[in-house]
């Protein structure tokens, strides 16, 4: 049997799942661990990113044990997750995205619809970035969520030093790298991967997010 294996991690709405595969793609072991969700009011849904990371670690260890694979034989790990927005402070600590003010709730879940008005504003802007998302901004994308956060929780916005799509948060936790996936940025952040410039800063200016890069620690280019 080969001594090289990979670990695949998928974080959904209610749990973190992990699988250990050989390099030929055969699944050798899998495990799942639940994650918590906070629903403080209608249309609001929040996660605790530390809880998510803990669930990922538990699932990965359990999957590896089921597969009978040593940690040193894992040669790569991949992450995918929902389009949820993780907010961290300049020191990397958790910041609240909740009307409750609890710092543990630092992640706006993909299905959260608190930013419907902001999504409509993005659509009404008629900006060219909309051409690549069907002409309509969804409240489940990151830009409306960011707009809502800045308007409704200015304290959190001013303290923010890192703004992550959940997938990129997981890779940051695993490696310390601030690289962002071209997939996540293109699909949910209006990054235009086919253009040399990538970001359309005039769009963010138009929707009141001119200081996004100051608070988000976002790269000029996706990875």
N, C-alpha and C. Protein backbone atom coordinates (compact mmCIF):
# COMPACT_ATOMS: atom_id res chain seq x y z
N UNK A 1 0.84 -1.20 0.00
CA UNK A 1 0.00 0.00 0.00
C UNK A 1 0.88 1.25 0.00
N UNK A 2 0.47 2.25 -0.75
CA UNK A 2 1.22 3.50 -0.81
C UNK A 2 1.35 4.14 0.56
N UNK A 3 2.43 4.89 0.75
CA UNK A 3 2.63 5.61 2.01
C UNK A 3 2.29 7.08 1.88
N UNK A 4 1.61 7.46 0.80
CA UNK A 4 1.21 8.84 0.59
C UNK A 4 -0.31 8.92 0.50
N UNK A 5 -0.87 9.80 1.33
CA UNK A 5 -2.32 9.93 1.39
C UNK A 5 -2.71 11.41 1.44
N UNK A 6 -3.96 11.68 1.10
CA UNK A 6 -4.46 13.05 1.16
C UNK A 6 -5.69 13.10 2.05
N UNK A 7 -5.93 14.29 2.59
CA UNK A 7 -7.09 14.51 3.45
C UNK A 7 -7.98 15.55 2.80
N UNK A 8 -9.25 15.25 2.67
CA UNK A 8 -10.22 16.18 2.11
C UNK A 8 -11.19 16.60 3.20
N UNK A 9 -11.39 17.91 3.35
CA UNK A 9 -12.28 18.45 4.39
C UNK A 9 -13.40 19.24 3.73
N UNK A 10 -14.63 18.96 4.14
CA UNK A 10 -15.80 19.68 3.65
C UNK A 10 -16.60 20.19 4.85
N UNK A 11 -16.79 21.50 4.93
CA UNK A 11 -17.60 22.07 6.01
C UNK A 11 -18.92 22.54 5.43
N UNK A 12 -20.00 21.94 5.91
CA UNK A 12 -21.33 22.31 5.45
C UNK A 12 -22.05 23.17 6.47
N UNK A 13 -23.36 23.20 6.39
CA UNK A 13 -24.16 24.04 7.26
C UNK A 13 -24.20 23.52 8.69
N UNK A 14 -24.18 22.20 8.84
CA UNK A 14 -24.35 21.62 10.17
C UNK A 14 -23.23 20.76 10.67
N UNK A 15 -22.20 20.53 9.85
CA UNK A 15 -21.12 19.65 10.29
C UNK A 15 -19.86 19.85 9.46
N UNK A 16 -18.76 19.33 10.02
CA UNK A 16 -17.49 19.26 9.30
C UNK A 16 -17.24 17.79 8.98
N UNK A 17 -16.86 17.51 7.73
CA UNK A 17 -16.60 16.14 7.31
C UNK A 17 -15.17 16.02 6.81
N UNK A 18 -14.56 14.90 7.06
CA UNK A 18 -13.20 14.67 6.59
C UNK A 18 -13.08 13.28 6.01
N UNK A 19 -12.26 13.15 4.98
CA UNK A 19 -12.00 11.86 4.38
C UNK A 19 -10.52 11.69 4.11
N UNK A 20 -10.03 10.49 4.29
CA UNK A 20 -8.64 10.15 3.96
C UNK A 20 -8.67 9.26 2.72
N UNK A 21 -7.91 9.66 1.71
CA UNK A 21 -7.88 8.94 0.44
C UNK A 21 -6.45 8.61 0.06
N UNK A 22 -6.28 7.52 -0.69
CA UNK A 22 -4.96 7.29 -1.26
C UNK A 22 -4.83 8.14 -2.51
N UNK A 23 -3.65 8.17 -3.09
CA UNK A 23 -3.41 9.07 -4.22
C UNK A 23 -4.11 8.61 -5.49
N UNK A 24 -4.73 7.44 -5.45
CA UNK A 24 -5.54 6.98 -6.57
C UNK A 24 -7.00 7.36 -6.43
N UNK A 25 -7.35 7.96 -5.28
CA UNK A 25 -8.72 8.43 -5.07
C UNK A 25 -9.61 7.49 -4.29
N UNK A 26 -9.07 6.42 -3.76
CA UNK A 26 -9.87 5.49 -2.97
C UNK A 26 -10.06 6.02 -1.55
N UNK A 27 -11.32 6.09 -1.11
CA UNK A 27 -11.63 6.57 0.23
C UNK A 27 -11.35 5.47 1.24
N UNK A 28 -10.49 5.77 2.21
CA UNK A 28 -10.08 4.78 3.19
C UNK A 28 -10.73 4.98 4.56
N UNK A 29 -11.15 6.18 4.83
CA UNK A 29 -11.78 6.47 6.12
C UNK A 29 -12.43 7.83 6.09
N UNK A 30 -13.58 7.95 6.74
CA UNK A 30 -14.26 9.24 6.80
C UNK A 30 -14.88 9.44 8.18
N UNK A 31 -15.08 10.71 8.55
CA UNK A 31 -15.70 11.02 9.83
C UNK A 31 -16.39 12.37 9.74
N UNK A 32 -17.31 12.61 10.67
CA UNK A 32 -18.10 13.84 10.67
C UNK A 32 -18.27 14.32 12.10
N UNK A 33 -18.29 15.66 12.28
CA UNK A 33 -18.53 16.22 13.61
C UNK A 33 -19.43 17.43 13.47
N UNK A 34 -20.45 17.57 14.32
CA UNK A 34 -21.40 18.68 14.18
C UNK A 34 -20.79 20.03 14.52
N UNK A 35 -21.38 21.09 13.96
CA UNK A 35 -21.02 22.46 14.32
C UNK A 35 -22.29 23.18 14.77
N UNK A 36 -22.10 24.21 15.57
CA UNK A 36 -23.25 24.91 16.14
C UNK A 36 -23.66 26.09 15.25
N UNK A 37 -24.93 26.49 15.38
CA UNK A 37 -25.44 27.66 14.67
C UNK A 37 -26.28 28.49 15.64
N UNK A 38 -26.11 29.80 15.57
CA UNK A 38 -26.88 30.73 16.39
C UNK A 38 -27.89 31.44 15.50
N UNK A 39 -29.15 31.49 15.95
CA UNK A 39 -30.20 32.19 15.21
C UNK A 39 -30.81 33.25 16.13
N UNK A 40 -30.17 34.42 16.31
CA UNK A 40 -30.64 35.41 17.27
C UNK A 40 -31.93 36.11 16.87
N UNK A 41 -32.23 36.13 15.58
CA UNK A 41 -33.46 36.74 15.10
C UNK A 41 -33.74 36.26 13.69
N UNK A 42 -34.91 36.60 13.18
CA UNK A 42 -35.29 36.15 11.83
C UNK A 42 -34.26 36.60 10.80
N UNK A 43 -33.94 35.72 9.88
CA UNK A 43 -33.02 35.96 8.76
C UNK A 43 -31.55 35.99 9.17
N UNK A 44 -31.24 35.87 10.46
CA UNK A 44 -29.86 35.89 10.94
C UNK A 44 -29.41 34.47 11.28
N UNK A 45 -28.22 34.10 10.82
CA UNK A 45 -27.64 32.80 11.14
C UNK A 45 -26.14 32.96 11.29
N UNK A 46 -25.60 32.45 12.39
CA UNK A 46 -24.20 32.70 12.72
C UNK A 46 -23.49 31.43 13.19
N UNK A 47 -22.22 31.33 12.84
CA UNK A 47 -21.36 30.25 13.33
C UNK A 47 -20.28 30.84 14.23
N UNK A 48 -19.64 29.95 14.96
CA UNK A 48 -18.45 30.23 15.76
C UNK A 48 -17.28 29.58 15.03
N UNK A 49 -16.37 30.37 14.48
CA UNK A 49 -15.30 29.80 13.65
C UNK A 49 -14.35 28.92 14.46
N UNK A 50 -14.20 29.19 15.75
CA UNK A 50 -13.38 28.32 16.59
C UNK A 50 -14.04 26.96 16.74
N UNK A 51 -15.35 26.96 16.87
CA UNK A 51 -16.10 25.71 16.94
C UNK A 51 -15.95 24.93 15.63
N UNK A 52 -15.99 25.64 14.51
CA UNK A 52 -15.81 24.99 13.21
C UNK A 52 -14.43 24.36 13.13
N UNK A 53 -13.40 25.10 13.52
CA UNK A 53 -12.04 24.58 13.43
C UNK A 53 -11.87 23.36 14.34
N UNK A 54 -12.44 23.42 15.53
CA UNK A 54 -12.38 22.28 16.44
C UNK A 54 -13.06 21.06 15.82
N UNK A 55 -14.21 21.28 15.18
CA UNK A 55 -14.93 20.18 14.53
C UNK A 55 -14.11 19.58 13.39
N UNK A 56 -13.44 20.45 12.64
CA UNK A 56 -12.57 19.97 11.55
C UNK A 56 -11.46 19.08 12.12
N UNK A 57 -10.81 19.55 13.17
CA UNK A 57 -9.70 18.78 13.75
C UNK A 57 -10.18 17.43 14.28
N UNK A 58 -11.33 17.43 14.94
CA UNK A 58 -11.88 16.17 15.46
C UNK A 58 -12.20 15.21 14.32
N UNK A 59 -12.83 15.73 13.27
CA UNK A 59 -13.20 14.88 12.13
C UNK A 59 -11.97 14.33 11.42
N UNK A 60 -10.95 15.16 11.25
CA UNK A 60 -9.74 14.71 10.56
C UNK A 60 -9.05 13.61 11.36
N UNK A 61 -8.91 13.80 12.65
CA UNK A 61 -8.26 12.78 13.48
C UNK A 61 -9.04 11.46 13.44
N UNK A 62 -10.36 11.56 13.52
CA UNK A 62 -11.18 10.34 13.50
C UNK A 62 -11.09 9.63 12.16
N UNK A 63 -11.09 10.39 11.08
CA UNK A 63 -10.99 9.79 9.74
C UNK A 63 -9.64 9.11 9.56
N UNK A 64 -8.60 9.75 10.06
CA UNK A 64 -7.26 9.17 9.93
C UNK A 64 -7.16 7.87 10.73
N UNK A 65 -7.74 7.86 11.91
CA UNK A 65 -7.72 6.64 12.72
C UNK A 65 -8.49 5.51 12.03
N UNK A 66 -9.63 5.83 11.44
CA UNK A 66 -10.41 4.82 10.72
C UNK A 66 -9.65 4.27 9.52
N UNK A 67 -8.89 5.15 8.88
CA UNK A 67 -8.12 4.74 7.70
C UNK A 67 -6.86 3.98 8.08
N UNK A 68 -6.43 4.10 9.34
CA UNK A 68 -5.20 3.45 9.77
C UNK A 68 -3.97 4.07 9.15
N UNK A 69 -4.01 5.39 8.98
CA UNK A 69 -2.93 6.12 8.32
C UNK A 69 -2.21 7.00 9.32
N UNK A 70 -0.90 7.00 9.28
CA UNK A 70 -0.10 7.84 10.18
C UNK A 70 -0.13 9.29 9.71
N UNK A 71 -0.09 10.22 10.65
CA UNK A 71 -0.16 11.64 10.32
C UNK A 71 0.94 12.05 9.36
N UNK A 72 2.15 11.51 9.55
CA UNK A 72 3.28 11.90 8.71
C UNK A 72 3.14 11.42 7.27
N UNK A 73 2.18 10.52 7.02
CA UNK A 73 1.97 10.03 5.66
C UNK A 73 0.91 10.81 4.89
N UNK A 74 0.33 11.82 5.53
CA UNK A 74 -0.61 12.72 4.84
C UNK A 74 0.21 13.78 4.12
N UNK A 75 0.16 13.77 2.79
CA UNK A 75 1.02 14.68 2.01
C UNK A 75 0.29 15.93 1.54
N UNK A 76 -1.02 15.97 1.73
CA UNK A 76 -1.77 17.16 1.30
C UNK A 76 -3.13 17.19 1.95
N UNK A 77 -3.67 18.40 2.09
CA UNK A 77 -5.01 18.58 2.65
C UNK A 77 -5.74 19.63 1.84
N UNK A 78 -7.02 19.39 1.57
CA UNK A 78 -7.82 20.35 0.82
C UNK A 78 -9.06 20.72 1.63
N UNK A 79 -9.54 21.94 1.40
CA UNK A 79 -10.72 22.43 2.12
C UNK A 79 -11.76 22.93 1.14
N UNK A 80 -13.01 22.65 1.43
CA UNK A 80 -14.10 23.39 0.80
C UNK A 80 -15.15 23.63 1.88
N UNK A 81 -15.91 24.71 1.69
CA UNK A 81 -16.87 25.11 2.71
C UNK A 81 -17.95 25.98 2.09
N UNK A 82 -18.96 26.28 2.89
CA UNK A 82 -20.03 27.16 2.44
C UNK A 82 -19.53 28.59 2.29
N UNK A 83 -20.31 29.41 1.59
CA UNK A 83 -19.97 30.83 1.42
C UNK A 83 -20.38 31.60 2.67
N UNK A 84 -19.64 31.38 3.74
CA UNK A 84 -19.88 32.05 5.01
C UNK A 84 -18.75 33.03 5.27
N UNK A 85 -19.07 34.15 5.89
CA UNK A 85 -18.12 35.24 6.09
C UNK A 85 -17.55 35.21 7.51
N UNK A 86 -16.23 35.00 7.62
CA UNK A 86 -15.55 34.98 8.92
C UNK A 86 -14.87 36.32 9.15
N UNK A 87 -15.09 36.89 10.34
CA UNK A 87 -14.52 38.20 10.67
C UNK A 87 -13.57 38.04 11.85
N UNK A 88 -12.33 38.46 11.65
CA UNK A 88 -11.32 38.40 12.71
C UNK A 88 -10.70 39.79 12.91
N UNK A 89 -10.24 40.03 14.14
CA UNK A 89 -9.63 41.31 14.46
C UNK A 89 -8.21 41.43 13.93
N UNK A 90 -7.61 42.57 14.13
CA UNK A 90 -6.24 42.80 13.66
C UNK A 90 -5.25 41.86 14.34
N UNK A 91 -5.61 41.38 15.52
CA UNK A 91 -4.77 40.41 16.23
C UNK A 91 -5.14 38.97 15.90
N UNK A 92 -6.08 38.79 14.99
CA UNK A 92 -6.53 37.45 14.62
C UNK A 92 -7.62 36.89 15.50
N UNK A 93 -8.02 37.64 16.54
CA UNK A 93 -9.06 37.16 17.44
C UNK A 93 -10.45 37.31 16.87
N UNK A 94 -11.41 36.66 17.51
CA UNK A 94 -12.79 36.67 17.04
C UNK A 94 -13.45 38.03 17.28
N UNK A 95 -14.30 38.44 16.33
CA UNK A 95 -15.10 39.65 16.45
C UNK A 95 -16.56 39.30 16.17
N UNK A 96 -17.46 39.89 16.91
CA UNK A 96 -18.87 39.54 16.77
C UNK A 96 -19.49 40.09 15.49
N UNK A 97 -20.26 39.23 14.83
CA UNK A 97 -21.11 39.66 13.71
C UNK A 97 -22.57 39.61 14.14
N UNK A 98 -22.80 39.40 15.44
CA UNK A 98 -24.14 39.16 15.96
C UNK A 98 -24.72 40.39 16.65
N UNK A 99 -26.03 40.53 16.53
CA UNK A 99 -26.72 41.59 17.27
C UNK A 99 -26.64 41.34 18.76
N UNK A 100 -26.29 40.12 19.16
CA UNK A 100 -26.12 39.80 20.58
C UNK A 100 -24.83 40.38 21.14
N UNK A 101 -23.87 40.66 20.26
CA UNK A 101 -22.58 41.19 20.69
C UNK A 101 -21.59 40.15 21.15
N UNK A 102 -21.98 38.87 21.17
CA UNK A 102 -21.07 37.81 21.61
C UNK A 102 -19.98 37.58 20.57
N UNK A 103 -18.72 37.68 20.99
CA UNK A 103 -17.61 37.57 20.06
C UNK A 103 -17.49 36.19 19.43
N UNK A 104 -17.97 35.17 20.12
CA UNK A 104 -17.82 33.83 19.55
C UNK A 104 -18.57 33.70 18.23
N UNK A 105 -19.65 34.47 18.06
CA UNK A 105 -20.41 34.41 16.81
C UNK A 105 -19.77 35.37 15.81
N UNK A 106 -18.72 34.89 15.17
CA UNK A 106 -17.89 35.73 14.29
C UNK A 106 -18.06 35.40 12.81
N UNK A 107 -19.05 34.59 12.50
CA UNK A 107 -19.22 34.11 11.12
C UNK A 107 -20.68 34.23 10.69
N UNK A 108 -20.92 34.95 9.59
CA UNK A 108 -22.26 35.03 9.01
C UNK A 108 -22.44 33.84 8.07
N UNK A 109 -23.41 33.00 8.36
CA UNK A 109 -23.63 31.77 7.61
C UNK A 109 -24.14 32.09 6.20
N UNK A 110 -23.82 31.22 5.27
CA UNK A 110 -24.20 31.44 3.86
C UNK A 110 -25.70 31.71 3.71
N UNK A 111 -26.55 31.01 4.48
CA UNK A 111 -28.00 31.12 4.30
C UNK A 111 -28.61 32.34 5.00
N UNK A 112 -27.79 33.09 5.72
CA UNK A 112 -28.24 34.30 6.40
C UNK A 112 -28.73 35.32 5.37
N UNK A 113 -29.90 35.91 5.62
CA UNK A 113 -30.48 36.87 4.67
C UNK A 113 -30.69 38.25 5.30
N UNK A 114 -29.82 38.62 6.23
CA UNK A 114 -29.94 39.94 6.85
C UNK A 114 -29.63 41.06 5.86
N UNK A 115 -28.92 40.74 4.79
CA UNK A 115 -28.43 41.78 3.87
C UNK A 115 -29.22 41.85 2.57
N UNK A 116 -30.52 41.59 2.63
CA UNK A 116 -31.34 41.66 1.42
C UNK A 116 -31.34 43.07 0.83
N UNK A 117 -31.49 44.09 1.66
CA UNK A 117 -31.50 45.47 1.16
C UNK A 117 -30.18 45.83 0.52
N UNK A 118 -29.09 45.39 1.12
CA UNK A 118 -27.77 45.68 0.57
C UNK A 118 -27.55 44.95 -0.76
N UNK A 119 -28.05 43.72 -0.86
CA UNK A 119 -27.96 42.99 -2.13
C UNK A 119 -28.72 43.72 -3.22
N UNK A 120 -29.89 44.23 -2.88
CA UNK A 120 -30.68 44.99 -3.86
C UNK A 120 -29.94 46.24 -4.32
N UNK A 121 -29.25 46.90 -3.39
CA UNK A 121 -28.46 48.09 -3.75
C UNK A 121 -27.37 47.74 -4.75
N UNK A 122 -26.71 46.61 -4.52
CA UNK A 122 -25.66 46.17 -5.44
C UNK A 122 -26.25 45.94 -6.83
N UNK A 123 -27.39 45.27 -6.88
CA UNK A 123 -28.04 45.01 -8.16
C UNK A 123 -28.41 46.31 -8.85
N UNK A 124 -28.97 47.24 -8.09
CA UNK A 124 -29.40 48.51 -8.66
C UNK A 124 -28.24 49.38 -9.14
N UNK A 125 -27.02 49.08 -8.68
CA UNK A 125 -25.86 49.86 -9.13
C UNK A 125 -25.59 49.66 -10.61
N UNK A 126 -26.01 48.50 -11.14
CA UNK A 126 -25.80 48.21 -12.55
C UNK A 126 -24.34 48.07 -12.94
N UNK A 127 -23.48 47.83 -11.97
CA UNK A 127 -22.04 47.75 -12.26
C UNK A 127 -21.72 46.54 -13.13
N UNK A 128 -20.64 46.65 -13.88
CA UNK A 128 -20.25 45.59 -14.81
C UNK A 128 -19.94 44.27 -14.13
N UNK A 129 -19.55 44.28 -12.85
CA UNK A 129 -19.25 43.00 -12.18
C UNK A 129 -20.48 42.11 -12.13
N UNK A 130 -21.66 42.72 -12.18
CA UNK A 130 -22.90 41.94 -12.13
C UNK A 130 -23.09 41.08 -13.36
N UNK A 131 -22.42 41.44 -14.45
CA UNK A 131 -22.55 40.67 -15.69
C UNK A 131 -22.08 39.23 -15.50
N UNK A 132 -21.23 38.99 -14.50
CA UNK A 132 -20.63 37.67 -14.31
C UNK A 132 -21.32 36.87 -13.21
N UNK A 133 -22.40 37.43 -12.64
CA UNK A 133 -23.16 36.70 -11.62
C UNK A 133 -24.65 36.70 -11.96
N UNK A 134 -24.96 36.78 -13.24
CA UNK A 134 -26.34 36.72 -13.67
C UNK A 134 -27.10 38.02 -13.56
N UNK A 135 -26.39 39.12 -13.30
CA UNK A 135 -27.02 40.43 -13.25
C UNK A 135 -27.70 40.76 -11.94
N UNK A 136 -27.69 39.82 -10.98
CA UNK A 136 -28.38 40.03 -9.70
C UNK A 136 -27.46 39.61 -8.55
N UNK A 137 -27.34 40.48 -7.56
CA UNK A 137 -26.55 40.15 -6.38
C UNK A 137 -27.42 39.41 -5.37
N UNK A 138 -26.93 38.30 -4.87
CA UNK A 138 -27.64 37.53 -3.86
C UNK A 138 -27.19 37.95 -2.46
N UNK A 139 -28.11 37.97 -1.48
CA UNK A 139 -27.71 38.27 -0.11
C UNK A 139 -26.82 37.19 0.49
N UNK A 140 -26.69 36.08 -0.21
CA UNK A 140 -25.82 35.00 0.26
C UNK A 140 -24.38 35.18 -0.20
N UNK A 141 -24.12 36.18 -1.03
CA UNK A 141 -22.76 36.50 -1.43
C UNK A 141 -22.12 37.40 -0.38
N UNK A 142 -20.80 37.58 -0.49
CA UNK A 142 -20.10 38.27 0.59
C UNK A 142 -20.27 39.79 0.58
N UNK A 143 -20.36 40.42 -0.58
CA UNK A 143 -20.41 41.88 -0.62
C UNK A 143 -21.58 42.45 0.17
N UNK A 144 -22.82 41.97 0.01
CA UNK A 144 -23.91 42.51 0.82
C UNK A 144 -23.71 42.28 2.31
N UNK A 145 -23.16 41.14 2.68
CA UNK A 145 -22.90 40.86 4.09
C UNK A 145 -21.91 41.87 4.66
N UNK A 146 -20.89 42.19 3.88
CA UNK A 146 -19.89 43.17 4.30
C UNK A 146 -20.52 44.55 4.46
N UNK A 147 -21.38 44.91 3.53
CA UNK A 147 -22.08 46.20 3.61
C UNK A 147 -22.92 46.27 4.88
N UNK A 148 -23.66 45.20 5.17
CA UNK A 148 -24.49 45.16 6.37
C UNK A 148 -23.63 45.30 7.61
N UNK A 149 -22.53 44.59 7.64
CA UNK A 149 -21.64 44.62 8.80
C UNK A 149 -21.12 46.03 9.06
N UNK A 150 -20.68 46.70 8.02
CA UNK A 150 -20.15 48.05 8.18
C UNK A 150 -21.22 49.01 8.68
N UNK A 151 -22.42 48.87 8.18
CA UNK A 151 -23.50 49.80 8.54
C UNK A 151 -24.08 49.54 9.92
N UNK A 152 -24.19 48.28 10.28
CA UNK A 152 -24.93 47.93 11.49
C UNK A 152 -24.05 47.60 12.70
N UNK A 153 -22.83 47.19 12.46
CA UNK A 153 -21.89 46.89 13.54
C UNK A 153 -20.57 47.61 13.27
N UNK A 154 -20.58 48.95 13.31
CA UNK A 154 -19.38 49.72 12.97
C UNK A 154 -18.20 49.43 13.89
N UNK A 155 -18.48 49.06 15.15
CA UNK A 155 -17.39 48.71 16.05
C UNK A 155 -16.62 47.50 15.56
N UNK A 156 -17.36 46.48 15.15
CA UNK A 156 -16.73 45.29 14.58
C UNK A 156 -15.97 45.64 13.31
N UNK A 157 -16.60 46.42 12.45
CA UNK A 157 -15.95 46.80 11.19
C UNK A 157 -14.63 47.54 11.45
N UNK A 158 -14.63 48.46 12.37
CA UNK A 158 -13.43 49.25 12.64
C UNK A 158 -12.31 48.41 13.25
N UNK A 159 -12.68 47.37 14.00
CA UNK A 159 -11.68 46.49 14.60
C UNK A 159 -11.18 45.42 13.65
N UNK A 160 -11.93 45.17 12.57
CA UNK A 160 -11.61 44.05 11.68
C UNK A 160 -10.24 44.21 11.03
N UNK A 161 -9.50 43.09 11.01
CA UNK A 161 -8.21 43.06 10.34
C UNK A 161 -8.12 41.95 9.31
N UNK A 162 -9.08 41.01 9.38
CA UNK A 162 -9.12 39.89 8.45
C UNK A 162 -10.58 39.57 8.13
N UNK A 163 -10.89 39.48 6.85
CA UNK A 163 -12.22 39.09 6.39
C UNK A 163 -12.05 37.90 5.46
N UNK A 164 -12.61 36.78 5.83
CA UNK A 164 -12.38 35.53 5.10
C UNK A 164 -13.67 34.91 4.59
N UNK A 165 -13.62 34.34 3.39
CA UNK A 165 -14.56 33.30 3.03
C UNK A 165 -14.18 32.09 3.89
N UNK A 166 -15.15 31.31 4.32
CA UNK A 166 -14.86 30.23 5.26
C UNK A 166 -13.79 29.27 4.75
N UNK A 167 -13.81 28.94 3.49
CA UNK A 167 -12.78 28.05 2.93
C UNK A 167 -11.39 28.62 3.15
N UNK A 168 -11.22 29.91 2.88
CA UNK A 168 -9.91 30.54 3.03
C UNK A 168 -9.52 30.68 4.50
N UNK A 169 -10.51 30.84 5.37
CA UNK A 169 -10.23 30.85 6.81
C UNK A 169 -9.62 29.52 7.22
N UNK A 170 -10.17 28.42 6.73
CA UNK A 170 -9.66 27.10 7.09
C UNK A 170 -8.23 26.90 6.63
N UNK A 171 -7.91 27.34 5.41
CA UNK A 171 -6.54 27.19 4.94
C UNK A 171 -5.59 28.07 5.74
N UNK A 172 -6.07 29.26 6.17
CA UNK A 172 -5.27 30.15 7.02
C UNK A 172 -4.99 29.48 8.37
N UNK A 173 -6.02 28.88 8.97
CA UNK A 173 -5.82 28.20 10.24
C UNK A 173 -4.85 27.04 10.11
N UNK A 174 -4.91 26.34 9.00
CA UNK A 174 -4.06 25.17 8.81
C UNK A 174 -2.61 25.53 8.50
N UNK A 175 -2.41 26.65 7.80
CA UNK A 175 -1.07 26.96 7.28
C UNK A 175 -0.51 28.31 7.69
N UNK A 176 -1.38 29.24 8.11
CA UNK A 176 -0.93 30.60 8.39
C UNK A 176 -0.86 31.46 7.16
N UNK A 177 -1.16 30.90 6.00
CA UNK A 177 -1.10 31.65 4.74
C UNK A 177 -2.35 32.49 4.54
N UNK A 178 -2.15 33.72 4.07
CA UNK A 178 -3.28 34.61 3.76
C UNK A 178 -3.69 34.53 2.29
N UNK A 179 -3.15 33.57 1.56
CA UNK A 179 -3.56 33.38 0.17
C UNK A 179 -5.05 33.09 0.11
N UNK A 180 -5.72 33.61 -0.92
CA UNK A 180 -7.16 33.38 -1.07
C UNK A 180 -7.43 32.62 -2.36
N UNK A 181 -8.36 31.71 -2.29
CA UNK A 181 -8.70 30.87 -3.43
C UNK A 181 -9.33 31.68 -4.56
N UNK A 182 -8.87 31.45 -5.76
CA UNK A 182 -9.48 32.09 -6.93
C UNK A 182 -10.94 31.68 -7.05
N UNK A 183 -11.25 30.46 -6.65
CA UNK A 183 -12.63 29.97 -6.72
C UNK A 183 -13.53 30.77 -5.79
N UNK A 184 -13.14 30.92 -4.52
CA UNK A 184 -14.01 31.63 -3.57
C UNK A 184 -14.15 33.10 -3.94
N UNK A 185 -13.05 33.74 -4.31
CA UNK A 185 -13.11 35.17 -4.61
C UNK A 185 -13.92 35.45 -5.87
N UNK A 186 -13.80 34.58 -6.87
CA UNK A 186 -14.53 34.79 -8.12
C UNK A 186 -16.01 34.49 -7.94
N UNK A 187 -16.32 33.41 -7.24
CA UNK A 187 -17.71 32.98 -7.12
C UNK A 187 -18.53 33.87 -6.19
N UNK A 188 -17.91 34.45 -5.14
CA UNK A 188 -18.70 35.11 -4.11
C UNK A 188 -18.24 36.51 -3.73
N UNK A 189 -17.11 36.98 -4.26
CA UNK A 189 -16.59 38.30 -3.88
C UNK A 189 -16.49 39.25 -5.08
N UNK A 190 -17.02 38.89 -6.21
CA UNK A 190 -16.99 39.66 -7.47
C UNK A 190 -15.58 39.90 -7.99
N UNK A 191 -14.65 39.03 -7.63
CA UNK A 191 -13.31 39.08 -8.21
C UNK A 191 -13.39 38.58 -9.64
N UNK A 192 -12.76 39.30 -10.57
CA UNK A 192 -12.81 38.93 -11.98
C UNK A 192 -11.51 38.25 -12.37
N UNK A 193 -11.49 36.93 -12.23
CA UNK A 193 -10.27 36.17 -12.43
C UNK A 193 -9.75 36.23 -13.85
N UNK A 194 -10.63 36.52 -14.81
CA UNK A 194 -10.22 36.54 -16.21
C UNK A 194 -9.58 37.88 -16.60
N UNK A 195 -9.61 38.85 -15.70
CA UNK A 195 -9.04 40.16 -15.99
C UNK A 195 -7.72 40.35 -15.24
N UNK A 196 -6.82 41.12 -15.81
CA UNK A 196 -5.52 41.35 -15.20
C UNK A 196 -5.65 42.02 -13.84
N UNK A 197 -6.58 42.96 -13.71
CA UNK A 197 -6.73 43.70 -12.46
C UNK A 197 -7.41 42.88 -11.37
N UNK A 198 -8.28 41.95 -11.75
CA UNK A 198 -8.96 41.10 -10.76
C UNK A 198 -10.07 41.83 -10.03
N UNK A 199 -9.70 42.70 -9.12
CA UNK A 199 -10.67 43.46 -8.34
C UNK A 199 -11.12 44.70 -9.10
N UNK A 200 -12.40 45.03 -8.96
CA UNK A 200 -12.92 46.29 -9.49
C UNK A 200 -13.20 47.21 -8.30
N UNK A 201 -12.19 47.98 -7.94
CA UNK A 201 -12.29 48.82 -6.74
C UNK A 201 -13.39 49.87 -6.86
N UNK A 202 -13.72 50.27 -8.08
CA UNK A 202 -14.78 51.27 -8.24
C UNK A 202 -16.14 50.71 -7.81
N UNK A 203 -16.31 49.40 -7.93
CA UNK A 203 -17.55 48.79 -7.46
C UNK A 203 -17.66 48.89 -5.94
N UNK A 204 -16.58 48.56 -5.25
CA UNK A 204 -16.61 48.65 -3.79
C UNK A 204 -16.79 50.09 -3.32
N UNK A 205 -16.19 51.03 -4.03
CA UNK A 205 -16.40 52.44 -3.70
C UNK A 205 -17.88 52.80 -3.86
N UNK A 206 -18.49 52.31 -4.92
CA UNK A 206 -19.89 52.65 -5.22
C UNK A 206 -20.86 52.13 -4.17
N UNK A 207 -20.52 51.01 -3.52
CA UNK A 207 -21.43 50.43 -2.53
C UNK A 207 -20.98 50.71 -1.09
N UNK A 208 -20.06 51.65 -0.94
CA UNK A 208 -19.66 52.07 0.40
C UNK A 208 -18.61 51.23 1.07
N UNK A 209 -17.88 50.43 0.29
CA UNK A 209 -16.85 49.57 0.85
C UNK A 209 -15.46 49.96 0.36
N UNK A 210 -15.23 51.26 0.25
CA UNK A 210 -13.94 51.73 -0.21
C UNK A 210 -12.79 51.35 0.70
N UNK A 211 -13.08 51.07 1.97
CA UNK A 211 -12.04 50.69 2.93
C UNK A 211 -11.98 49.18 3.16
N UNK A 212 -12.57 48.40 2.26
CA UNK A 212 -12.60 46.95 2.42
C UNK A 212 -11.20 46.36 2.55
N UNK A 213 -10.28 46.81 1.73
CA UNK A 213 -8.95 46.21 1.73
C UNK A 213 -8.15 46.61 2.96
N UNK A 214 -8.49 47.72 3.54
CA UNK A 214 -7.88 48.14 4.80
C UNK A 214 -8.24 47.19 5.93
N UNK A 215 -9.46 46.69 5.92
CA UNK A 215 -9.95 45.84 7.01
C UNK A 215 -9.91 44.35 6.69
N UNK A 216 -9.81 44.00 5.41
CA UNK A 216 -9.95 42.61 5.04
C UNK A 216 -8.68 41.82 4.87
N UNK A 217 -7.51 42.51 4.75
CA UNK A 217 -6.26 41.82 4.48
C UNK A 217 -6.37 40.96 3.23
N UNK A 218 -7.05 41.49 2.23
CA UNK A 218 -7.25 40.77 0.98
C UNK A 218 -6.06 40.98 0.05
N UNK A 219 -5.68 39.98 -0.71
CA UNK A 219 -4.54 40.11 -1.63
C UNK A 219 -4.94 40.83 -2.91
N UNK A 220 -3.94 41.37 -3.60
CA UNK A 220 -4.20 41.98 -4.90
C UNK A 220 -4.60 40.93 -5.92
N UNK A 221 -4.04 39.73 -5.76
CA UNK A 221 -4.32 38.64 -6.69
C UNK A 221 -4.77 37.39 -5.93
N UNK A 222 -5.71 36.68 -6.52
CA UNK A 222 -6.14 35.40 -5.95
C UNK A 222 -5.10 34.34 -6.28
N UNK A 223 -5.11 33.26 -5.53
CA UNK A 223 -4.15 32.17 -5.75
C UNK A 223 -4.78 31.06 -6.59
